[in-house]
N, C-alpha and C. Protein backbone atom coordinates (compact mmCIF):
# COMPACT_ATOMS: atom_id res chain seq x y z
N MET A 1 -14.56 -4.97 -3.64
CA MET A 1 -13.81 -5.52 -2.53
C MET A 1 -12.44 -4.85 -2.49
N LYS A 2 -12.06 -4.38 -1.31
CA LYS A 2 -10.76 -3.74 -1.13
C LYS A 2 -9.66 -4.80 -1.05
N PRO A 3 -8.54 -4.54 -1.73
CA PRO A 3 -7.43 -5.48 -1.61
C PRO A 3 -6.77 -5.35 -0.23
N SER A 4 -6.28 -6.45 0.27
CA SER A 4 -5.59 -6.42 1.56
C SER A 4 -4.18 -5.88 1.37
N PRO A 5 -3.60 -5.31 2.42
CA PRO A 5 -2.22 -4.82 2.31
C PRO A 5 -1.24 -5.92 1.87
N SER A 6 -1.45 -7.14 2.34
CA SER A 6 -0.51 -8.21 1.98
C SER A 6 -0.63 -8.55 0.49
N ARG A 7 -1.85 -8.51 -0.05
CA ARG A 7 -2.03 -8.79 -1.49
C ARG A 7 -1.44 -7.66 -2.34
N LEU A 8 -1.61 -6.43 -1.88
CA LEU A 8 -1.02 -5.30 -2.61
C LEU A 8 0.50 -5.39 -2.59
N LYS A 9 1.06 -5.73 -1.44
CA LYS A 9 2.52 -5.86 -1.33
C LYS A 9 3.02 -6.97 -2.24
N GLN A 10 2.29 -8.07 -2.30
CA GLN A 10 2.68 -9.18 -3.17
C GLN A 10 2.64 -8.73 -4.64
N ALA A 11 1.58 -8.05 -5.02
CA ALA A 11 1.47 -7.55 -6.40
C ALA A 11 2.58 -6.55 -6.70
N LEU A 12 2.86 -5.68 -5.75
CA LEU A 12 3.92 -4.68 -5.92
C LEU A 12 5.27 -5.36 -6.12
N ASP A 13 5.57 -6.35 -5.32
CA ASP A 13 6.84 -7.07 -5.45
C ASP A 13 6.96 -7.74 -6.82
N ILE A 14 5.88 -8.33 -7.29
CA ILE A 14 5.90 -8.99 -8.60
C ILE A 14 6.12 -7.97 -9.70
N MET A 15 5.45 -6.84 -9.61
CA MET A 15 5.57 -5.82 -10.65
C MET A 15 6.95 -5.16 -10.64
N ILE A 16 7.54 -5.01 -9.47
CA ILE A 16 8.90 -4.45 -9.40
C ILE A 16 9.88 -5.37 -10.11
N ILE A 17 9.72 -6.66 -9.91
CA ILE A 17 10.57 -7.63 -10.61
C ILE A 17 10.33 -7.55 -12.11
N ALA A 18 9.07 -7.42 -12.51
CA ALA A 18 8.76 -7.31 -13.93
C ALA A 18 9.42 -6.08 -14.55
N VAL A 19 9.40 -4.97 -13.83
CA VAL A 19 10.03 -3.74 -14.34
C VAL A 19 11.52 -3.95 -14.54
N SER A 20 12.16 -4.60 -13.58
CA SER A 20 13.61 -4.74 -13.66
C SER A 20 14.06 -5.86 -14.60
N ASP A 21 13.24 -6.89 -14.76
CA ASP A 21 13.67 -8.06 -15.55
C ASP A 21 13.23 -8.04 -17.01
N ARG A 22 12.15 -7.37 -17.30
CA ARG A 22 11.62 -7.42 -18.66
C ARG A 22 12.18 -6.29 -19.50
N PRO A 23 12.43 -6.56 -20.78
CA PRO A 23 12.92 -5.49 -21.67
C PRO A 23 11.90 -4.35 -21.81
N ASP A 24 10.62 -4.68 -21.69
CA ASP A 24 9.57 -3.67 -21.78
C ASP A 24 9.08 -3.25 -20.40
N GLY A 25 9.91 -3.45 -19.39
CA GLY A 25 9.50 -3.19 -18.02
C GLY A 25 9.06 -1.77 -17.74
N GLU A 26 9.55 -0.84 -18.51
CA GLU A 26 9.20 0.57 -18.29
C GLU A 26 7.70 0.82 -18.41
N VAL A 27 7.02 0.01 -19.20
CA VAL A 27 5.57 0.22 -19.37
C VAL A 27 4.81 -0.10 -18.08
N PHE A 28 5.43 -0.82 -17.16
CA PHE A 28 4.76 -1.19 -15.92
C PHE A 28 4.99 -0.18 -14.79
N VAL A 29 5.82 0.82 -15.02
CA VAL A 29 6.11 1.81 -13.98
C VAL A 29 4.84 2.49 -13.47
N PRO A 30 3.92 2.92 -14.32
CA PRO A 30 2.69 3.54 -13.78
C PRO A 30 1.91 2.60 -12.87
N LEU A 31 1.90 1.32 -13.19
CA LEU A 31 1.21 0.35 -12.34
C LEU A 31 1.91 0.22 -10.99
N VAL A 32 3.24 0.19 -11.00
CA VAL A 32 4.00 0.12 -9.74
C VAL A 32 3.68 1.35 -8.89
N LEU A 33 3.67 2.52 -9.50
CA LEU A 33 3.37 3.74 -8.76
C LEU A 33 1.96 3.71 -8.18
N HIS A 34 1.02 3.19 -8.94
CA HIS A 34 -0.36 3.07 -8.48
C HIS A 34 -0.45 2.11 -7.29
N LEU A 35 0.22 0.98 -7.38
CA LEU A 35 0.21 0.01 -6.28
C LEU A 35 0.85 0.62 -5.03
N GLU A 36 1.94 1.36 -5.22
CA GLU A 36 2.59 2.01 -4.07
C GLU A 36 1.64 2.99 -3.39
N LYS A 37 0.91 3.76 -4.18
CA LYS A 37 -0.02 4.73 -3.62
C LYS A 37 -1.16 4.04 -2.88
N GLN A 38 -1.68 2.97 -3.45
CA GLN A 38 -2.76 2.23 -2.78
C GLN A 38 -2.28 1.64 -1.45
N LEU A 39 -1.10 1.05 -1.46
CA LEU A 39 -0.55 0.46 -0.24
C LEU A 39 -0.31 1.53 0.82
N ALA A 40 0.25 2.66 0.41
CA ALA A 40 0.48 3.75 1.35
C ALA A 40 -0.83 4.28 1.92
N ALA A 41 -1.86 4.38 1.11
CA ALA A 41 -3.16 4.87 1.58
C ALA A 41 -3.76 3.93 2.61
N ILE A 42 -3.66 2.64 2.38
CA ILE A 42 -4.19 1.67 3.34
C ILE A 42 -3.39 1.72 4.63
N GLU A 43 -2.08 1.76 4.53
CA GLU A 43 -1.25 1.81 5.73
C GLU A 43 -1.50 3.10 6.51
N ASN A 44 -1.67 4.21 5.80
CA ASN A 44 -1.94 5.49 6.45
C ASN A 44 -3.30 5.46 7.14
N ALA A 45 -4.29 4.88 6.48
CA ALA A 45 -5.63 4.80 7.08
C ALA A 45 -5.59 3.97 8.36
N GLU A 46 -4.85 2.87 8.35
CA GLU A 46 -4.73 2.04 9.54
C GLU A 46 -4.02 2.81 10.65
N THR A 47 -2.99 3.56 10.29
CA THR A 47 -2.25 4.34 11.27
C THR A 47 -3.15 5.43 11.86
N GLU A 48 -3.91 6.10 10.99
CA GLU A 48 -4.82 7.14 11.45
C GLU A 48 -5.89 6.56 12.38
N TYR A 49 -6.42 5.41 12.01
CA TYR A 49 -7.42 4.75 12.86
C TYR A 49 -6.84 4.46 14.24
N GLU A 50 -5.64 3.89 14.26
CA GLU A 50 -5.00 3.57 15.54
C GLU A 50 -4.76 4.83 16.37
N ARG A 51 -4.36 5.90 15.70
CA ARG A 51 -4.12 7.16 16.39
C ARG A 51 -5.41 7.70 17.01
N ILE A 52 -6.50 7.63 16.25
CA ILE A 52 -7.78 8.13 16.74
C ILE A 52 -8.29 7.29 17.90
N VAL A 53 -8.12 5.99 17.82
CA VAL A 53 -8.53 5.11 18.92
C VAL A 53 -7.72 5.45 20.18
N ARG A 54 -6.43 5.67 20.03
CA ARG A 54 -5.61 6.05 21.19
C ARG A 54 -6.10 7.36 21.80
N LEU A 55 -6.43 8.34 20.95
CA LEU A 55 -6.94 9.61 21.45
C LEU A 55 -8.25 9.42 22.20
N ALA A 56 -9.13 8.58 21.66
CA ALA A 56 -10.41 8.32 22.30
C ALA A 56 -10.21 7.67 23.67
N ARG A 57 -9.31 6.72 23.74
CA ARG A 57 -9.05 6.04 25.02
C ARG A 57 -8.43 7.02 26.02
N LYS A 58 -7.58 7.88 25.53
CA LYS A 58 -6.90 8.84 26.39
C LYS A 58 -7.91 9.85 26.96
N SER A 59 -8.84 10.31 26.11
CA SER A 59 -9.81 11.29 26.58
C SER A 59 -10.88 10.65 27.48
N ALA A 60 -11.10 9.34 27.33
CA ALA A 60 -12.07 8.64 28.17
C ALA A 60 -11.50 8.35 29.56
N ALA A 61 -10.19 8.36 29.68
CA ALA A 61 -9.55 8.03 30.96
C ALA A 61 -9.58 9.18 31.94
């Protein structure tokens, strides 16, 4: 099951706080980077989908 963008953002926010607040926060940096990449990929896919739909509607007109 794919995580939703809102769940990824929530997890990212929690992990960013963990990095800044915990003495061992540095160990969570790779996880933060991974969450950022996943969120960006989902947002990019949605943007690409919207762009393609607009192109399809434009060419159908």
